[in-house]
Every structure is written in C-alpha cells, then in structure tokens.
PDB file of all heavy atoms in Angstrom:
ATOM      1  N   ASP A   1     -26.714  63.366  32.114  1.00  0.00           N
ATOM      2  CA  ASP A   1     -27.580  63.606  33.263  1.00  0.00           C
ATOM      3  C   ASP A   1     -26.809  63.531  34.577  1.00  0.00           C
ATOM      4  O   ASP A   1     -27.103  64.260  35.519  1.00  0.00           O
ATOM      5  CB  ASP A   1     -28.721  62.589  33.283  1.00  0.00           C
ATOM      6  CG  ASP A   1     -29.754  62.855  32.198  1.00  0.00           C
ATOM      7  OD1 ASP A   1     -29.779  63.975  31.657  1.00  0.00           O
ATOM      8  OD2 ASP A   1     -30.526  61.927  31.890  1.00  0.00           O
ATOM      9  N   SER A   2     -25.820  62.670  34.629  1.00  0.00           N
ATOM     10  CA  SER A   2     -25.088  62.446  35.871  1.00  0.00           C
ATOM     11  C   SER A   2     -24.225  63.641  36.291  1.00  0.00           C
ATOM     12  O   SER A   2     -23.797  63.707  37.445  1.00  0.00           O
ATOM     13  CB  SER A   2     -24.189  61.212  35.734  1.00  0.00           C
ATOM     14  OG  SER A   2     -23.263  61.385  34.664  1.00  0.00           O
ATOM     15  N   VAL A   3     -23.974  64.581  35.379  1.00  0.00           N
ATOM     16  CA  VAL A   3     -23.124  65.718  35.717  1.00  0.00           C
ATOM     17  C   VAL A   3     -23.843  67.056  35.600  1.00  0.00           C
ATOM     18  O   VAL A   3     -23.258  68.102  35.921  1.00  0.00           O
ATOM     19  CB  VAL A   3     -21.845  65.748  34.836  1.00  0.00           C
ATOM     20  CG1 VAL A   3     -21.117  64.418  34.903  1.00  0.00           C
ATOM     21  CG2 VAL A   3     -22.166  66.115  33.396  1.00  0.00           C
ATOM     22  N   LYS A   4     -25.084  67.052  35.164  1.00  0.00           N
ATOM     23  CA  LYS A   4     -25.827  68.306  35.022  1.00  0.00           C
ATOM     24  C   LYS A   4     -25.900  69.039  36.357  1.00  0.00           C
ATOM     25  O   LYS A   4     -26.170  68.439  37.397  1.00  0.00           O
ATOM     26  CB  LYS A   4     -27.242  68.020  34.507  1.00  0.00           C
ATOM     27  CG  LYS A   4     -27.314  67.763  33.025  1.00  0.00           C
ATOM     28  CD  LYS A   4     -28.751  67.529  32.572  1.00  0.00           C
ATOM     29  CE  LYS A   4     -28.816  67.250  31.083  1.00  0.00           C
ATOM     30  NZ  LYS A   4     -30.195  66.938  30.637  1.00  0.00           N
ATOM     31  N   GLY A   5     -25.644  70.337  36.293  1.00  0.00           N
ATOM     32  CA  GLY A   5     -25.682  71.146  37.503  1.00  0.00           C
ATOM     33  C   GLY A   5     -24.385  71.137  38.287  1.00  0.00           C
ATOM     34  O   GLY A   5     -24.207  71.938  39.210  1.00  0.00           O
ATOM     35  N   ARG A   6     -23.469  70.233  37.929  1.00  0.00           N
ATOM     36  CA  ARG A   6     -22.174  70.163  38.634  1.00  0.00           C
ATOM     37  C   ARG A   6     -21.003  70.510  37.719  1.00  0.00           C
ATOM     38  O   ARG A   6     -20.021  71.089  38.174  1.00  0.00           O
ATOM     39  CB  ARG A   6     -21.959  68.756  39.198  1.00  0.00           C
ATOM     40  CG  ARG A   6     -23.024  68.320  40.189  1.00  0.00           C
ATOM     41  CD  ARG A   6     -22.642  67.018  40.885  1.00  0.00           C
ATOM     42  NE  ARG A   6     -22.524  65.910  39.931  1.00  0.00           N
ATOM     43  CZ  ARG A   6     -21.413  65.173  39.782  1.00  0.00           C
ATOM     44  NH1 ARG A   6     -20.326  65.440  40.491  1.00  0.00           N
ATOM     45  NH2 ARG A   6     -21.390  64.165  38.909  1.00  0.00           N
ATOM     46  N   PHE A   7     -21.105  70.141  36.451  1.00  0.00           N
ATOM     47  CA  PHE A   7     -20.016  70.365  35.496  1.00  0.00           C
ATOM     48  C   PHE A   7     -20.420  71.449  34.500  1.00  0.00           C
ATOM     49  O   PHE A   7     -21.597  71.565  34.136  1.00  0.00           O
ATOM     50  CB  PHE A   7     -19.710  69.095  34.704  1.00  0.00           C
ATOM     51  CG  PHE A   7     -19.064  67.988  35.493  1.00  0.00           C
ATOM     52  CD1 PHE A   7     -18.976  68.017  36.876  1.00  0.00           C
ATOM     53  CD2 PHE A   7     -18.537  66.885  34.832  1.00  0.00           C
ATOM     54  CE1 PHE A   7     -18.384  66.985  37.594  1.00  0.00           C
ATOM     55  CE2 PHE A   7     -17.940  65.845  35.517  1.00  0.00           C
ATOM     56  CZ  PHE A   7     -17.865  65.899  36.907  1.00  0.00           C
ATOM     57  N   THR A   8     -19.430  72.205  34.047  1.00  0.00           N
ATOM     58  CA  THR A   8     -19.661  73.230  33.030  1.00  0.00           C
ATOM     59  C   THR A   8     -18.567  73.140  31.970  1.00  0.00           C
ATOM     60  O   THR A   8     -17.375  73.172  32.301  1.00  0.00           O
ATOM     61  CB  THR A   8     -19.651  74.641  33.645  1.00  0.00           C
ATOM     62  OG1 THR A   8     -20.643  74.730  34.669  1.00  0.00           O
ATOM     63  CG2 THR A   8     -19.931  75.687  32.577  1.00  0.00           C
ATOM     64  N   ILE A   9     -19.001  73.031  30.731  1.00  0.00           N
ATOM     65  CA  ILE A   9     -18.047  73.024  29.625  1.00  0.00           C
ATOM     66  C   ILE A   9     -18.029  74.413  28.988  1.00  0.00           C
ATOM     67  O   ILE A   9     -19.068  75.082  28.874  1.00  0.00           O
ATOM     68  CB  ILE A   9     -18.404  71.938  28.582  1.00  0.00           C
ATOM     69  CG1 ILE A   9     -17.289  71.796  27.541  1.00  0.00           C
ATOM     70  CG2 ILE A   9     -19.753  72.209  27.926  1.00  0.00           C
ATOM     71  CD1 ILE A   9     -17.457  70.590  26.627  1.00  0.00           C
ATOM     72  N   SER A  10     -16.838  74.840  28.586  1.00  0.00           N
ATOM     73  CA  SER A  10     -16.708  76.140  27.929  1.00  0.00           C
ATOM     74  C   SER A  10     -15.523  76.071  26.966  1.00  0.00           C
ATOM     75  O   SER A  10     -14.735  75.120  27.011  1.00  0.00           O
ATOM     76  CB  SER A  10     -16.511  77.256  28.961  1.00  0.00           C
ATOM     77  OG  SER A  10     -15.324  77.050  29.701  1.00  0.00           O
ATOM     78  N   ARG A  11     -15.414  77.077  26.124  1.00  0.00           N
ATOM     79  CA  ARG A  11     -14.319  77.103  25.172  1.00  0.00           C
ATOM     80  C   ARG A  11     -13.810  78.527  24.999  1.00  0.00           C
ATOM     81  O   ARG A  11     -14.576  79.491  25.137  1.00  0.00           O
ATOM     82  CB  ARG A  11     -14.738  76.527  23.820  1.00  0.00           C
ATOM     83  CG  ARG A  11     -15.819  77.297  23.089  1.00  0.00           C
ATOM     84  CD  ARG A  11     -16.352  76.498  21.896  1.00  0.00           C
ATOM     85  NE  ARG A  11     -15.323  76.253  20.898  1.00  0.00           N
ATOM     86  CZ  ARG A  11     -15.415  75.307  19.964  1.00  0.00           C
ATOM     87  NH1 ARG A  11     -16.479  74.520  19.926  1.00  0.00           N
ATOM     88  NH2 ARG A  11     -14.437  75.155  19.082  1.00  0.00           N
ATOM     89  N   ASP A  12     -12.527  78.637  24.701  1.00  0.00           N
ATOM     90  CA  ASP A  12     -11.906  79.921  24.397  1.00  0.00           C
ATOM     91  C   ASP A  12     -11.243  79.752  23.031  1.00  0.00           C
ATOM     92  O   ASP A  12     -10.151  79.177  22.934  1.00  0.00           O
ATOM     93  CB  ASP A  12     -10.882  80.288  25.471  1.00  0.00           C
ATOM     94  CG  ASP A  12     -10.282  81.663  25.274  1.00  0.00           C
ATOM     95  OD1 ASP A  12     -10.296  82.159  24.132  1.00  0.00           O
ATOM     96  OD2 ASP A  12      -9.786  82.237  26.250  1.00  0.00           O
ATOM     97  N   ASN A  13     -11.887  80.226  22.000  1.00  0.00           N
ATOM     98  CA  ASN A  13     -11.371  80.021  20.641  1.00  0.00           C
ATOM     99  C   ASN A  13     -10.056  80.759  20.410  1.00  0.00           C
ATOM    100  O   ASN A  13      -9.243  80.328  19.589  1.00  0.00           O
ATOM    101  CB  ASN A  13     -12.405  80.463  19.618  1.00  0.00           C
ATOM    102  CG  ASN A  13     -13.615  79.541  19.579  1.00  0.00           C
ATOM    103  OD1 ASN A  13     -13.539  78.379  19.983  1.00  0.00           O
ATOM    104  ND2 ASN A  13     -14.740  80.058  19.116  1.00  0.00           N
ATOM    105  N   ALA A  14      -9.839  81.841  21.121  1.00  0.00           N
ATOM    106  CA  ALA A  14      -8.581  82.578  20.971  1.00  0.00           C
ATOM    107  C   ALA A  14      -7.395  81.780  21.516  1.00  0.00           C
ATOM    108  O   ALA A  14      -6.257  81.987  21.085  1.00  0.00           O
ATOM    109  CB  ALA A  14      -8.672  83.919  21.674  1.00  0.00           C
ATOM    110  N   LYS A  15      -7.674  80.862  22.436  1.00  0.00           N
ATOM    111  CA  LYS A  15      -6.618  80.045  23.041  1.00  0.00           C
ATOM    112  C   LYS A  15      -6.657  78.599  22.562  1.00  0.00           C
ATOM    113  O   LYS A  15      -5.909  77.762  23.073  1.00  0.00           O
ATOM    114  CB  LYS A  15      -6.732  80.090  24.566  1.00  0.00           C
ATOM    115  CG  LYS A  15      -6.502  81.459  25.160  1.00  0.00           C
ATOM    116  CD  LYS A  15      -6.557  81.415  26.679  1.00  0.00           C
ATOM    117  CE  LYS A  15      -6.274  82.795  27.272  1.00  0.00           C
ATOM    118  NZ  LYS A  15      -6.324  82.785  28.763  1.00  0.00           N
ATOM    119  N   ASN A  16      -7.545  78.298  21.618  1.00  0.00           N
ATOM    120  CA  ASN A  16      -7.686  76.915  21.118  1.00  0.00           C
ATOM    121  C   ASN A  16      -7.907  75.932  22.267  1.00  0.00           C
ATOM    122  O   ASN A  16      -7.372  74.807  22.245  1.00  0.00           O
ATOM    123  CB  ASN A  16      -6.438  76.496  20.326  1.00  0.00           C
ATOM    124  CG  ASN A  16      -6.373  77.132  18.956  1.00  0.00           C
ATOM    125  OD1 ASN A  16      -7.205  77.971  18.616  1.00  0.00           O
ATOM    126  ND2 ASN A  16      -5.389  76.745  18.169  1.00  0.00           N
ATOM    127  N   THR A  17      -8.706  76.320  23.232  1.00  0.00           N
ATOM    128  CA  THR A  17      -8.834  75.533  24.457  1.00  0.00           C
ATOM    129  C   THR A  17     -10.300  75.314  24.821  1.00  0.00           C
ATOM    130  O   THR A  17     -11.118  76.226  24.708  1.00  0.00           O
ATOM    131  CB  THR A  17      -8.113  76.226  25.620  1.00  0.00           C
ATOM    132  OG1 THR A  17      -6.732  76.412  25.281  1.00  0.00           O
ATOM    133  CG2 THR A  17      -8.196  75.396  26.897  1.00  0.00           C
ATOM    134  N   VAL A  18     -10.571  74.095  25.259  1.00  0.00           N
ATOM    135  CA  VAL A  18     -11.870  73.774  25.835  1.00  0.00           C
ATOM    136  C   VAL A  18     -11.642  73.385  27.295  1.00  0.00           C
ATOM    137  O   VAL A  18     -10.630  72.767  27.631  1.00  0.00           O
ATOM    138  CB  VAL A  18     -12.586  72.648  25.053  1.00  0.00           C
ATOM    139  CG1 VAL A  18     -11.796  71.353  25.084  1.00  0.00           C
ATOM    140  CG2 VAL A  18     -13.991  72.434  25.572  1.00  0.00           C
ATOM    141  N   TYR A  19     -12.578  73.780  28.143  1.00  0.00           N
ATOM    142  CA  TYR A  19     -12.463  73.555  29.584  1.00  0.00           C
ATOM    143  C   TYR A  19     -13.626  72.707  30.092  1.00  0.00           C
ATOM    144  O   TYR A  19     -14.718  72.717  29.518  1.00  0.00           O
ATOM    145  CB  TYR A  19     -12.479  74.885  30.333  1.00  0.00           C
ATOM    146  CG  TYR A  19     -11.408  75.856  29.912  1.00  0.00           C
ATOM    147  CD1 TYR A  19     -11.686  76.860  28.976  1.00  0.00           C
ATOM    148  CD2 TYR A  19     -10.123  75.784  30.436  1.00  0.00           C
ATOM    149  CE1 TYR A  19     -10.705  77.755  28.581  1.00  0.00           C
ATOM    150  CE2 TYR A  19      -9.139  76.674  30.047  1.00  0.00           C
ATOM    151  CZ  TYR A  19      -9.433  77.656  29.118  1.00  0.00           C
ATOM    152  OH  TYR A  19      -8.463  78.544  28.715  1.00  0.00           O
ATOM    153  N   LEU A  20     -13.366  72.027  31.189  1.00  0.00           N
ATOM    154  CA  LEU A  20     -14.430  71.341  31.906  1.00  0.00           C
ATOM    155  C   LEU A  20     -14.280  71.690  33.383  1.00  0.00           C
ATOM    156  O   LEU A  20     -13.354  71.199  34.047  1.00  0.00           O
ATOM    157  CB  LEU A  20     -14.375  69.828  31.704  1.00  0.00           C
ATOM    158  CG  LEU A  20     -15.536  69.054  32.292  1.00  0.00           C
ATOM    159  CD1 LEU A  20     -16.839  69.399  31.556  1.00  0.00           C
ATOM    160  CD2 LEU A  20     -15.294  67.544  32.253  1.00  0.00           C
ATOM    161  N   GLN A  21     -15.164  72.543  33.853  1.00  0.00           N
ATOM    162  CA  GLN A  21     -15.200  72.900  35.274  1.00  0.00           C
ATOM    163  C   GLN A  21     -16.022  71.848  35.993  1.00  0.00           C
ATOM    164  O   GLN A  21     -17.197  71.642  35.648  1.00  0.00           O
ATOM    165  CB  GLN A  21     -15.808  74.283  35.457  1.00  0.00           C
ATOM    166  CG  GLN A  21     -16.077  74.655  36.913  1.00  0.00           C
ATOM    167  CD  GLN A  21     -14.812  74.982  37.686  1.00  0.00           C
ATOM    168  OE1 GLN A  21     -14.033  75.816  37.270  1.00  0.00           O
ATOM    169  NE2 GLN A  21     -14.625  74.333  38.834  1.00  0.00           N
ATOM    170  N   MET A  22     -15.429  71.190  36.972  1.00  0.00           N
ATOM    171  CA  MET A  22     -16.107  70.111  37.691  1.00  0.00           C
ATOM    172  C   MET A  22     -16.223  70.481  39.155  1.00  0.00           C
ATOM    173  O   MET A  22     -15.192  70.648  39.830  1.00  0.00           O
ATOM    174  CB  MET A  22     -15.335  68.802  37.532  1.00  0.00           C
ATOM    175  CG  MET A  22     -15.101  68.405  36.079  1.00  0.00           C
ATOM    176  SD  MET A  22     -14.348  66.783  35.909  1.00  0.00           S
ATOM    177  CE  MET A  22     -12.745  67.083  36.638  1.00  0.00           C
ATOM    178  N   ASN A  23     -17.448  70.627  39.621  1.00  0.00           N
ATOM    179  CA  ASN A  23     -17.725  70.969  41.021  1.00  0.00           C
ATOM    180  C   ASN A  23     -18.470  69.831  41.703  1.00  0.00           C
ATOM    181  O   ASN A  23     -19.024  68.947  41.035  1.00  0.00           O
ATOM    182  CB  ASN A  23     -18.549  72.249  41.091  1.00  0.00           C
ATOM    183  CG  ASN A  23     -17.836  73.448  40.508  1.00  0.00           C
ATOM    184  OD1 ASN A  23     -16.615  73.565  40.583  1.00  0.00           O
ATOM    185  ND2 ASN A  23     -18.603  74.345  39.928  1.00  0.00           N
ATOM    186  N   SER A  24     -18.490  69.874  43.006  1.00  0.00           N
ATOM    187  CA  SER A  24     -19.217  68.872  43.814  1.00  0.00           C
ATOM    188  C   SER A  24     -18.873  67.461  43.360  1.00  0.00           C
ATOM    189  O   SER A  24     -19.751  66.621  43.138  1.00  0.00           O
ATOM    190  CB  SER A  24     -20.729  69.115  43.700  1.00  0.00           C
ATOM    191  OG  SER A  24     -21.070  70.413  44.119  1.00  0.00           O
ATOM    192  N   LEU A  25     -17.616  67.207  43.222  1.00  0.00           N
ATOM    193  CA  LEU A  25     -17.171  65.918  42.692  1.00  0.00           C
ATOM    194  C   LEU A  25     -17.518  64.773  43.630  1.00  0.00           C
ATOM    195  O   LEU A  25     -17.498  64.918  44.869  1.00  0.00           O
ATOM    196  CB  LEU A  25     -15.667  65.948  42.428  1.00  0.00           C
ATOM    197  CG  LEU A  25     -15.284  66.701  41.146  1.00  0.00           C
ATOM    198  CD1 LEU A  25     -13.818  67.105  41.157  1.00  0.00           C
ATOM    199  CD2 LEU A  25     -15.589  65.836  39.933  1.00  0.00           C
ATOM    200  N   LYS A  26     -17.840  63.641  43.017  1.00  0.00           N
ATOM    201  CA  LYS A  26     -18.244  62.435  43.732  1.00  0.00           C
ATOM    202  C   LYS A  26     -17.261  61.307  43.399  1.00  0.00           C
ATOM    203  O   LYS A  26     -16.639  61.324  42.324  1.00  0.00           O
ATOM    204  CB  LYS A  26     -19.655  62.021  43.302  1.00  0.00           C
ATOM    205  CG  LYS A  26     -20.710  63.094  43.459  1.00  0.00           C
ATOM    206  CD  LYS A  26     -22.040  62.628  42.900  1.00  0.00           C
ATOM    207  CE  LYS A  26     -23.105  63.709  43.020  1.00  0.00           C
ATOM    208  NZ  LYS A  26     -24.407  63.266  42.465  1.00  0.00           N
ATOM    209  N   PRO A  27     -17.171  60.310  44.249  1.00  0.00           N
ATOM    210  CA  PRO A  27     -16.294  59.171  43.936  1.00  0.00           C
ATOM    211  C   PRO A  27     -16.613  58.527  42.590  1.00  0.00           C
ATOM    212  O   PRO A  27     -15.697  58.062  41.891  1.00  0.00           O
ATOM    213  CB  PRO A  27     -16.545  58.213  45.092  1.00  0.00           C
ATOM    214  CG  PRO A  27     -16.902  59.110  46.238  1.00  0.00           C
ATOM    215  CD  PRO A  27     -17.711  60.222  45.609  1.00  0.00           C
ATOM    216  N   GLU A  28     -17.872  58.530  42.212  1.00  0.00           N
ATOM    217  CA  GLU A  28     -18.252  57.926  40.927  1.00  0.00           C
ATOM    218  C   GLU A  28     -17.820  58.751  39.731  1.00  0.00           C
ATOM    219  O   GLU A  28     -17.980  58.308  38.584  1.00  0.00           O
ATOM    220  CB  GLU A  28     -19.766  57.673  40.874  1.00  0.00           C
ATOM    221  CG  GLU A  28     -20.628  58.855  41.232  1.00  0.00           C
ATOM    222  CD  GLU A  28     -21.080  58.831  42.681  1.00  0.00           C
ATOM    223  OE1 GLU A  28     -20.242  58.523  43.577  1.00  0.00           O
ATOM    224  OE2 GLU A  28     -22.261  59.143  42.924  1.00  0.00           O
ATOM    225  N   ASP A  29     -17.278  59.940  39.941  1.00  0.00           N
ATOM    226  CA  ASP A  29     -16.705  60.724  38.851  1.00  0.00           C
ATOM    227  C   ASP A  29     -15.279  60.282  38.534  1.00  0.00           C
ATOM    228  O   ASP A  29     -14.683  60.762  37.562  1.00  0.00           O
ATOM    229  CB  ASP A  29     -16.696  62.213  39.205  1.00  0.00           C
ATOM    230  CG  ASP A  29     -18.088  62.799  39.341  1.00  0.00           C
ATOM    231  OD1 ASP A  29     -18.948  62.480  38.496  1.00  0.00           O
ATOM    232  OD2 ASP A  29     -18.307  63.576  40.300  1.00  0.00           O
TER     233      ASP A  29
END
C-alpha cells in the first residue's frame, strides 16, 4: 500500500531482468 501509484514493477523475460520503477520517492523509502 505504501508504494501503490508511485512504484511500478515489470519484467523482460528476454533479458532475464525484473525492474522496479520508483517515482515520487520519499525519505521513508
């Protein structure tokens, strides 16, 4: 709940990679 709307997780199976896009970062992150 604390990151909904700010963080996005995604994956690229061709690159064996998972990403975490973090926006509007706060000190508590």
